[in-house]
PDB file of N, CA and C in Angstrom:
ATOM      1  N   MET A   1     -65.673  10.293  42.255  1.00  0.00           N
ATOM      2  CA  MET A   1     -65.802   9.135  42.131  1.00  0.00           C
ATOM      3  C   MET A   1     -66.408   8.863  40.384  1.00  0.00           C
ATOM      4  N   GLU A   2     -67.802   9.701  40.185  1.00  0.00           N
ATOM      5  CA  GLU A   2     -67.974  10.248  39.674  1.00  0.00           C
ATOM      6  C   GLU A   2     -66.950  10.061  38.177  1.00  0.00           C
ATOM      7  N   ALA A   3     -65.835  10.729  37.572  1.00  0.00           N
ATOM      8  CA  ALA A   3     -64.778  10.563  37.572  1.00  0.00           C
ATOM      9  C   ALA A   3     -64.245   9.612  36.820  1.00  0.00           C
ATOM     10  N   LYS A   4     -64.087   8.613  37.585  1.00  0.00           N
ATOM     11  CA  LYS A   4     -64.124   7.029  37.780  1.00  0.00           C
ATOM     12  C   LYS A   4     -64.901   6.323  36.674  1.00  0.00           C
ATOM     13  N   THR A   5     -65.953   6.331  36.366  1.00  0.00           N
ATOM     14  CA  THR A   5     -67.474   5.097  35.885  1.00  0.00           C
ATOM     15  C   THR A   5     -67.032   6.104  34.539  1.00  0.00           C
ATOM     16  N   LYS A   6     -67.090   7.256  34.295  1.00  0.00           N
ATOM     17  CA  LYS A   6     -67.187   7.884  32.975  1.00  0.00           C
ATOM     18  C   LYS A   6     -65.648   7.496  31.895  1.00  0.00           C
ATOM     19  N   PRO A   7     -66.547   7.147  31.685  1.00  0.00           N
ATOM     20  CA  PRO A   7     -65.549   6.774  29.849  1.00  0.00           C
ATOM     21  C   PRO A   7     -65.095   8.277  29.541  1.00  0.00           C
ATOM     22  N   GLN A   8     -63.003   7.405  29.501  1.00  0.00           N
ATOM     23  CA  GLN A   8     -62.705   8.989  29.337  1.00  0.00           C
ATOM     24  C   GLN A   8     -63.239   9.202  27.282  1.00  0.00           C
ATOM     25  N   GLU A   9     -62.817  10.250  27.157  1.00  0.00           N
ATOM     26  CA  GLU A   9     -62.858  10.948  25.774  1.00  0.00           C
ATOM     27  C   GLU A   9     -61.948  10.662  24.874  1.00  0.00           C
ATOM     28  N   ALA A  10     -61.289  10.380  23.787  1.00  0.00           N
ATOM     29  CA  ALA A  10     -60.228  10.629  23.257  1.00  0.00           C
ATOM     30  C   ALA A  10     -59.851  11.988  22.980  1.00  0.00           C
ATOM     31  N   THR A  11     -58.517  11.795  22.942  1.00  0.00           N
ATOM     32  CA  THR A  11     -58.392  13.299  22.504  1.00  0.00           C
ATOM     33  C   THR A  11     -58.115  13.932  20.462  1.00  0.00           C
ATOM     34  N   PRO A  12     -58.051  14.868  20.296  1.00  0.00           N
ATOM     35  CA  PRO A  12     -58.145  14.730  18.588  1.00  0.00           C
ATOM     36  C   PRO A  12     -56.749  14.010  17.975  1.00  0.00           C
ATOM     37  N   GLU A  13     -55.520  13.848  19.080  1.00  0.00           N
ATOM     38  CA  GLU A  13     -54.365  13.277  18.283  1.00  0.00           C
ATOM     39  C   GLU A  13     -54.749  11.774  18.593  1.00  0.00           C
ATOM     40  N   GLN A  14     -55.468  10.836  19.991  1.00  0.00           N
ATOM     41  CA  GLN A  14     -55.613   9.600  19.687  1.00  0.00           C
ATOM     42  C   GLN A  14     -56.570   9.401  18.509  1.00  0.00           C
ATOM     43  N   LEU A  15     -57.603  10.451  18.183  1.00  0.00           N
ATOM     44  CA  LEU A  15     -58.422   9.243  17.560  1.00  0.00           C
ATOM     45  C   LEU A  15     -58.105   9.646  15.720  1.00  0.00           C
ATOM     46  N   LEU A  16     -56.797  10.899  15.096  1.00  0.00           N
ATOM     47  CA  LEU A  16     -55.575  11.335  14.167  1.00  0.00           C
ATOM     48  C   LEU A  16     -55.269   9.928  13.875  1.00  0.00           C
ATOM     49  N   LYS A  17     -54.623   9.321  15.656  1.00  0.00           N
ATOM     50  CA  LYS A  17     -53.697   8.417  15.617  1.00  0.00           C
ATOM     51  C   LYS A  17     -54.539   6.980  14.719  1.00  0.00           C
ATOM     52  N   MET A  18     -56.082   6.941  15.372  1.00  0.00           N
ATOM     53  CA  MET A  18     -56.700   5.993  15.149  1.00  0.00           C
ATOM     54  C   MET A  18     -57.057   5.599  13.026  1.00  0.00           C
ATOM     55  N   LEU A  19     -57.123   6.841  13.627  1.00  0.00           N
ATOM     56  CA  LEU A  19     -57.894   7.263  11.938  1.00  0.00           C
ATOM     57  C   LEU A  19     -56.531   6.413  10.932  1.00  0.00           C
ATOM     58  N   ASP A  20     -55.519   6.763  10.907  1.00  0.00           N
ATOM     59  CA  ASP A  20     -54.617   6.328  10.440  1.00  0.00           C
ATOM     60  C   ASP A  20     -54.503   5.279  10.445  1.00  0.00           C
ATOM     61  N   LEU A  21     -54.303   3.912  11.080  1.00  0.00           N
ATOM     62  CA  LEU A  21     -54.319   3.141  11.285  1.00  0.00           C
ATOM     63  C   LEU A  21     -55.047   2.543  10.216  1.00  0.00           C
ATOM     64  N   GLN A  22     -55.805   2.515  10.896  1.00  0.00           N
ATOM     65  CA  GLN A  22     -57.127   1.620  10.274  1.00  0.00           C
ATOM     66  C   GLN A  22     -56.917   2.174   8.380  1.00  0.00           C
ATOM     67  N   LEU A  23     -56.701   3.476   8.303  1.00  0.00           N
ATOM     68  CA  LEU A  23     -56.069   3.501   6.217  1.00  0.00           C
ATOM     69  C   LEU A  23     -54.938   2.797   6.299  1.00  0.00           C
ATOM     70  N   ALA A  24     -54.273   2.652   7.245  1.00  0.00           N
ATOM     71  CA  ALA A  24     -53.078   1.939   6.622  1.00  0.00           C
ATOM     72  C   ALA A  24     -53.435   0.536   6.318  1.00  0.00           C
ATOM     73  N   GLN A  25     -53.972   0.323   7.368  1.00  0.00           N
ATOM     74  CA  GLN A  25     -54.462  -1.689   6.981  1.00  0.00           C
ATOM     75  C   GLN A  25     -55.558  -1.761   5.941  1.00  0.00           C
ATOM     76  N   MET A  26     -56.300  -1.018   5.406  1.00  0.00           N
ATOM     77  CA  MET A  26     -57.274  -0.853   4.464  1.00  0.00           C
ATOM     78  C   MET A  26     -56.271  -0.993   3.192  1.00  0.00           C
ATOM     79  N   ARG A  27     -55.458   0.516   3.520  1.00  0.00           N
ATOM     80  CA  ARG A  27     -54.071  -0.263   2.042  1.00  0.00           C
ATOM     81  C   ARG A  27     -53.552  -1.425   1.919  1.00  0.00           C
ATOM     82  N   GLN A  28     -52.809  -1.904   3.002  1.00  0.00           N
ATOM     83  CA  GLN A  28     -52.548  -2.874   3.265  1.00  0.00           C
ATOM     84  C   GLN A  28     -53.352  -4.162   2.358  1.00  0.00           C
ATOM     85  N   LYS A  29     -54.411  -4.325   3.086  1.00  0.00           N
ATOM     86  CA  LYS A  29     -55.808  -5.107   2.456  1.00  0.00           C
ATOM     87  C   LYS A  29     -56.126  -5.508   0.793  1.00  0.00           C
ATOM     88  N   ARG A  30     -56.165  -3.647   0.189  1.00  0.00           N
ATOM     89  CA  ARG A  30     -55.626  -3.608  -0.321  1.00  0.00           C
ATOM     90  C   ARG A  30     -54.616  -4.341  -1.697  1.00  0.00           C
ATOM     91  N   ALA A  31     -53.956  -4.169  -1.317  1.00  0.00           N
ATOM     92  CA  ALA A  31     -52.330  -4.269  -1.612  1.00  0.00           C
ATOM     93  C   ALA A  31     -52.727  -5.827  -1.477  1.00  0.00           C
ATOM     94  N   VAL A  32     -53.070  -6.829  -0.723  1.00  0.00           N
ATOM     95  CA  VAL A  32     -52.702  -7.838  -0.846  1.00  0.00           C
ATOM     96  C   VAL A  32     -53.986  -8.622  -1.217  1.00  0.00           C
ATOM     97  N   GLU A  33     -55.400  -7.787  -1.834  1.00  0.00           N
ATOM     98  CA  GLU A  33     -56.096  -9.032  -2.454  1.00  0.00           C
ATOM     99  C   GLU A  33     -55.874  -9.100  -3.751  1.00  0.00           C
ATOM    100  N   PRO A  34     -55.949 -10.178  -4.560  1.00  0.00           N
ATOM    101  CA  PRO A  34     -55.131 -10.662  -6.101  1.00  0.00           C
ATOM    102  C   PRO A  34     -55.784 -10.128  -6.958  1.00  0.00           C
ATOM    103  N   GLY A  35     -55.105 -10.038  -8.373  1.00  0.00           N
ATOM    104  CA  GLY A  35     -55.987  -9.260  -9.476  1.00  0.00           C
ATOM    105  C   GLY A  35     -55.838  -8.074  -9.679  1.00  0.00           C
ATOM    106  N   ASN A  36     -56.976  -7.423 -10.697  1.00  0.00           N
ATOM    107  CA  ASN A  36     -57.435  -6.117 -11.043  1.00  0.00           C
ATOM    108  C   ASN A  36     -58.413  -6.575 -11.011  1.00  0.00           C
ATOM    109  N   LYS A  37     -59.909  -6.074 -10.145  1.00  0.00           N
ATOM    110  CA  LYS A  37     -60.793  -6.767 -11.060  1.00  0.00           C
ATOM    111  C   LYS A  37     -61.539  -5.486 -12.272  1.00  0.00           C
ATOM    112  N   ASN A  38     -60.683  -4.800 -12.183  1.00  0.00           N
ATOM    113  CA  ASN A  38     -61.291  -4.352 -13.454  1.00  0.00           C
ATOM    114  C   ASN A  38     -61.300  -4.909 -14.699  1.00  0.00           C
ATOM    115  N   ALA A  39     -60.035  -5.608 -14.578  1.00  0.00           N
ATOM    116  CA  ALA A  39     -59.760  -6.504 -16.247  1.00  0.00           C
ATOM    117  C   ALA A  39     -60.846  -7.779 -15.826  1.00  0.00           C
ATOM    118  N   ILE A  40     -60.609  -7.726 -14.401  1.00  0.00           N
ATOM    119  CA  ILE A  40     -61.661  -9.249 -14.614  1.00  0.00           C
ATOM    120  C   ILE A  40     -63.306  -8.884 -15.469  1.00  0.00           C
ATOM    121  N   ARG A  41     -64.193  -7.581 -14.876  1.00  0.00           N
ATOM    122  CA  ARG A  41     -65.155  -7.116 -15.318  1.00  0.00           C
ATOM    123  C   ARG A  41     -64.882  -6.725 -17.520  1.00  0.00           C
ATOM    124  N   VAL A  42     -64.147  -6.515 -17.360  1.00  0.00           N
ATOM    125  CA  VAL A  42     -64.580  -6.273 -19.422  1.00  0.00           C
ATOM    126  C   VAL A  42     -64.196  -7.747 -19.596  1.00  0.00           C
ATOM    127  N   PHE A  43     -63.265  -8.798 -19.499  1.00  0.00           N
ATOM    128  CA  PHE A  43     -62.831  -9.741 -19.852  1.00  0.00           C
ATOM    129  C   PHE A  43     -64.003 -10.545 -19.616  1.00  0.00           C
ATOM    130  N   SER A  44     -64.840 -10.330 -18.653  1.00  0.00           N
ATOM    131  CA  SER A  44     -66.301 -10.989 -18.513  1.00  0.00           C
ATOM    132  C   SER A  44     -67.058 -10.779 -19.750  1.00  0.00           C
ATOM    133  N   LEU A  45     -66.977  -9.336 -19.324  1.00  0.00           N
ATOM    134  CA  LEU A  45     -67.814  -8.605 -20.551  1.00  0.00           C
ATOM    135  C   LEU A  45     -67.870  -8.910 -21.598  1.00  0.00           C
ATOM    136  N   CYS A  46     -66.166  -8.666 -22.347  1.00  0.00           N
ATOM    137  CA  CYS A  46     -65.938  -9.200 -23.776  1.00  0.00           C
ATOM    138  C   CYS A  46     -66.719 -10.978 -24.115  1.00  0.00           C
ATOM    139  N   VAL A  47     -66.902 -11.577 -22.985  1.00  0.00           N
ATOM    140  CA  VAL A  47     -66.797 -13.078 -23.180  1.00  0.00           C
ATOM    141  C   VAL A  47     -68.559 -13.373 -23.355  1.00  0.00           C
ATOM    142  N   ILE A  48     -69.084 -12.465 -22.568  1.00  0.00           N
ATOM    143  CA  ILE A  48     -70.929 -12.244 -22.650  1.00  0.00           C
ATOM    144  C   ILE A  48     -71.204 -11.475 -24.117  1.00  0.00           C
ATOM    145  N   VAL A  49     -70.685 -10.224 -24.216  1.00  0.00           N
ATOM    146  CA  VAL A  49     -70.800  -9.733 -25.732  1.00  0.00           C
ATOM    147  C   VAL A  49     -71.134 -11.092 -26.872  1.00  0.00           C
ATOM    148  N   PHE A  50     -69.443 -11.689 -27.272  1.00  0.00           N
ATOM    149  CA  PHE A  50     -69.069 -12.498 -27.645  1.00  0.00           C
ATOM    150  C   PHE A  50     -70.420 -13.937 -28.030  1.00  0.00           C
ATOM    151  N   GLY A  51     -71.024 -14.133 -26.817  1.00  0.00           N
ATOM    152  CA  GLY A  51     -71.272 -15.558 -26.606  1.00  0.00           C
ATOM    153  C   GLY A  51     -72.666 -14.680 -26.676  1.00  0.00           C
ATOM    154  N   ALA A  52     -73.017 -13.755 -26.697  1.00  0.00           N
ATOM    155  CA  ALA A  52     -74.564 -13.922 -27.416  1.00  0.00           C
ATOM    156  C   ALA A  52     -73.590 -13.460 -28.752  1.00  0.00           C
ATOM    157  N   ALA A  53     -73.309 -12.927 -29.580  1.00  0.00           N
ATOM    158  CA  ALA A  53     -73.294 -12.420 -30.758  1.00  0.00           C
ATOM    159  C   ALA A  53     -73.142 -13.889 -31.947  1.00  0.00           C
ATOM    160  N   LEU A  54     -72.327 -14.624 -30.945  1.00  0.00           N
ATOM    161  CA  LEU A  54     -71.995 -16.743 -31.191  1.00  0.00           C
ATOM    162  C   LEU A  54     -74.073 -17.310 -31.152  1.00  0.00           C
ATOM    163  N   ALA A  55     -74.592 -17.248 -30.364  1.00  0.00           N
ATOM    164  CA  ALA A  55     -75.939 -17.429 -30.139  1.00  0.00           C
ATOM    165  C   ALA A  55     -76.621 -17.045 -31.535  1.00  0.00           C
ATOM    166  N   LEU A  56     -76.491 -15.066 -31.676  1.00  0.00           N
ATOM    167  CA  LEU A  56     -77.266 -15.081 -33.017  1.00  0.00           C
ATOM    168  C   LEU A  56     -77.444 -15.254 -33.672  1.00  0.00           C
ATOM    169  N   TRP A  57     -75.481 -15.565 -34.609  1.00  0.00           N
ATOM    170  CA  TRP A  57     -75.135 -16.266 -35.307  1.00  0.00           C
ATOM    171  C   TRP A  57     -75.949 -17.697 -36.082  1.00  0.00           C
ATOM    172  N   VAL A  58     -76.254 -18.084 -34.524  1.00  0.00           N
ATOM    173  CA  VAL A  58     -76.243 -19.511 -34.789  1.00  0.00           C
ATOM    174  C   VAL A  58     -78.163 -19.810 -35.039  1.00  0.00           C
ATOM    175  N   LEU A  59     -78.053 -18.801 -34.651  1.00  0.00           N
ATOM    176  CA  LEU A  59     -79.845 -18.648 -35.116  1.00  0.00           C
ATOM    177  C   LEU A  59     -80.395 -18.258 -36.314  1.00  0.00           C
ATOM    178  N   MET A  60     -79.331 -16.770 -36.827  1.00  0.00           N
ATOM    179  CA  MET A  60     -80.175 -16.822 -37.939  1.00  0.00           C
ATOM    180  C   MET A  60     -79.752 -17.700 -39.234  1.00  0.00           C
ATOM    181  N   TYR A  61     -78.406 -18.548 -38.581  1.00  0.00           N
ATOM    182  CA  TYR A  61     -78.565 -20.186 -39.486  1.00  0.00           C
ATOM    183  C   TYR A  61     -79.303 -20.574 -39.469  1.00  0.00           C
ATOM    184  N   MET A  62     -80.277 -21.100 -37.961  1.00  0.00           N
ATOM    185  CA  MET A  62     -81.202 -22.417 -38.026  1.00  0.00           C
ATOM    186  C   MET A  62     -82.310 -21.130 -38.875  1.00  0.00           C
ATOM    187  N   LEU A  63     -82.292 -20.402 -38.992  1.00  0.00           N
ATOM    188  CA  LEU A  63     -84.059 -19.759 -39.661  1.00  0.00           C
ATOM    189  C   LEU A  63     -83.567 -19.444 -41.343  1.00  0.00           C
ATOM    190  N   ASP A  64     -82.605 -18.965 -41.230  1.00  0.00           N
ATOM    191  CA  ASP A  64     -82.424 -19.071 -42.633  1.00  0.00           C
ATOM    192  C   ASP A  64     -82.737 -21.133 -43.669  1.00  0.00           C
ATOM    193  N   GLU A  65     -81.739 -21.730 -42.661  1.00  0.00           N
ATOM    194  CA  GLU A  65     -82.054 -23.428 -43.498  1.00  0.00           C
ATOM    195  C   GLU A  65     -83.311 -23.599 -42.952  1.00  0.00           C
ATOM    196  N   MET A  66     -84.767 -22.603 -42.029  1.00  0.00           N
ATOM    197  CA  MET A  66     -85.644 -23.313 -42.139  1.00  0.00           C
ATOM    198  C   MET A  66     -86.564 -22.937 -43.260  1.00  0.00           C
ATOM    199  N   LYS A  67     -86.221 -22.072 -43.492  1.00  0.00           N
ATOM    200  CA  LYS A  67     -86.753 -20.976 -44.931  1.00  0.00           C
ATOM    201  C   LYS A  67     -86.913 -21.974 -45.901  1.00  0.00           C
ATOM    202  N   PRO A  68     -88.831 -22.241 -46.410  1.00  0.00           N
ATOM    203  CA  PRO A  68     -88.944 -23.143 -47.503  1.00  0.00           C
ATOM    204  C   PRO A  68     -87.961 -22.304 -49.288  1.00  0.00           C
ATOM    205  N   GLN A  69     -87.205 -23.821 -49.641  1.00  0.00           N
ATOM    206  CA  GLN A  69     -86.698 -22.822 -51.363  1.00  0.00           C
ATOM    207  C   GLN A  69     -87.904 -22.319 -52.191  1.00  0.00           C
ATOM    208  N   LYS A  70     -87.398 -21.542 -52.244  1.00  0.00           N
ATOM    209  CA  LYS A  70     -88.274 -20.277 -53.661  1.00  0.00           C
ATOM    210  C   LYS A  70     -88.112 -21.503 -54.808  1.00  0.00           C
ATOM    211  N   PRO A  71     -88.988 -21.704 -55.607  1.00  0.00           N
ATOM    212  CA  PRO A  71     -89.241 -22.662 -56.715  1.00  0.00           C
ATOM    213  C   PRO A  71     -87.822 -22.142 -58.388  1.00  0.00           C
ATOM    214  N   GLY A  72     -87.430 -21.089 -58.741  1.00  0.00           N
ATOM    215  CA  GLY A  72     -86.621 -21.086 -59.343  1.00  0.00           C
ATOM    216  C   GLY A  72     -85.222 -20.446 -58.130  1.00  0.00           C
ATOM    217  N   SER A  73     -84.866 -21.073 -57.123  1.00  0.00           N
ATOM    218  CA  SER A  73     -83.586 -20.739 -56.240  1.00  0.00           C
ATOM    219  C   SER A  73     -82.471 -22.007 -56.972  1.00  0.00           C
ATOM    220  N   PRO A  74     -82.134 -21.734 -57.057  1.00  0.00           N
ATOM    221  CA  PRO A  74     -80.414 -22.655 -57.278  1.00  0.00           C
ATOM    222  C   PRO A  74     -80.426 -23.740 -56.700  1.00  0.00           C
ATOM    223  N   ALA A  75     -80.591 -23.707 -55.114  1.00  0.00           N
ATOM    224  CA  ALA A  75     -81.005 -25.092 -54.614  1.00  0.00           C
ATOM    225  C   ALA A  75     -82.693 -26.511 -55.554  1.00  0.00           C
ATOM    226  N   ALA A  76     -83.344 -25.664 -55.425  1.00  0.00           N
ATOM    227  CA  ALA A  76     -84.589 -25.896 -55.976  1.00  0.00           C
ATOM    228  C   ALA A  76     -83.696 -26.892 -57.203  1.00  0.00           C
ATOM    229  N   GLY A  77     -83.123 -26.325 -58.524  1.00  0.00           N
ATOM    230  CA  GLY A  77     -83.189 -26.634 -59.107  1.00  0.00           C
ATOM    231  C   GLY A  77     -81.897 -27.585 -59.961  1.00  0.00           C
ATOM    232  N   ASN A  78     -81.202 -27.716 -58.295  1.00  0.00           N
ATOM    233  CA  ASN A  78     -80.020 -28.873 -58.650  1.00  0.00           C
ATOM    234  C   ASN A  78     -80.926 -30.039 -58.197  1.00  0.00           C
ATOM    235  N   ASP A  79     -82.282 -30.294 -57.427  1.00  0.00           N
ATOM    236  CA  ASP A  79     -82.858 -31.458 -57.302  1.00  0.00           C
ATOM    237  C   ASP A  79     -83.380 -31.762 -57.818  1.00  0.00           C
ATOM    238  N   ALA A  80     -83.846 -30.576 -59.067  1.00  0.00           N
ATOM    239  CA  ALA A  80     -85.103 -31.145 -59.990  1.00  0.00           C
ATOM    240  C   ALA A  80     -83.755 -32.077 -61.261  1.00  0.00           C
ATOM    241  N   GLU A  81     -82.724 -31.300 -61.318  1.00  0.00           N
ATOM    242  CA  GLU A  81     -81.689 -32.273 -62.382  1.00  0.00           C
ATOM    243  C   GLU A  81     -81.178 -33.365 -61.736  1.00  0.00           C
ATOM    244  N   VAL A  82     -81.532 -33.671 -60.671  1.00  0.00           N
ATOM    245  CA  VAL A  82     -80.847 -34.747 -59.820  1.00  0.00           C
ATOM    246  C   VAL A  82     -81.838 -35.806 -60.470  1.00  0.00           C
ATOM    247  N   GLU A  83     -82.600 -35.622 -60.036  1.00  0.00           N
ATOM    248  CA  GLU A  83     -83.541 -36.704 -60.129  1.00  0.00           C
ATOM    249  C   GLU A  83     -84.077 -36.593 -61.738  1.00  0.00           C
ATOM    250  N   SER A  84     -83.900 -35.234 -62.761  1.00  0.00           N
ATOM    251  CA  SER A  84     -83.860 -36.327 -64.445  1.00  0.00           C
ATOM    252  C   SER A  84     -82.193 -36.845 -65.012  1.00  0.00           C
ATOM    253  N   VAL A  85     -81.920 -36.747 -64.025  1.00  0.00           N
ATOM    254  CA  VAL A  85     -80.609 -37.428 -64.070  1.00  0.00           C
ATOM    255  C   VAL A  85     -80.493 -39.099 -64.301  1.00  0.00           C
ATOM    256  N   LYS A  86     -81.354 -39.747 -63.175  1.00  0.00           N
ATOM    257  CA  LYS A  86     -81.914 -40.586 -62.593  1.00  0.00           C
ATOM    258  C   LYS A  86     -82.858 -41.726 -63.779  1.00  0.00           C
TER     259      LYS A  86
END
């Protein structure tokens, strides 16, 4: 009676077959998945770096535009020349 209630343990051959089936399923699942994840990661990283560089360039340009002009600079001289011509 005890032999019938006890679950039968798998033999090593059965365990190897189960492992082979699981590995085959994993290989098939990986083969079906679309695209290359590494390529997507590299592209995303490039987009982030390019976006950060562009944002830095815009901020530096805005900072340069906000600087007060020096009295001897050519830009300040152009304003004075325009007023003297009028």
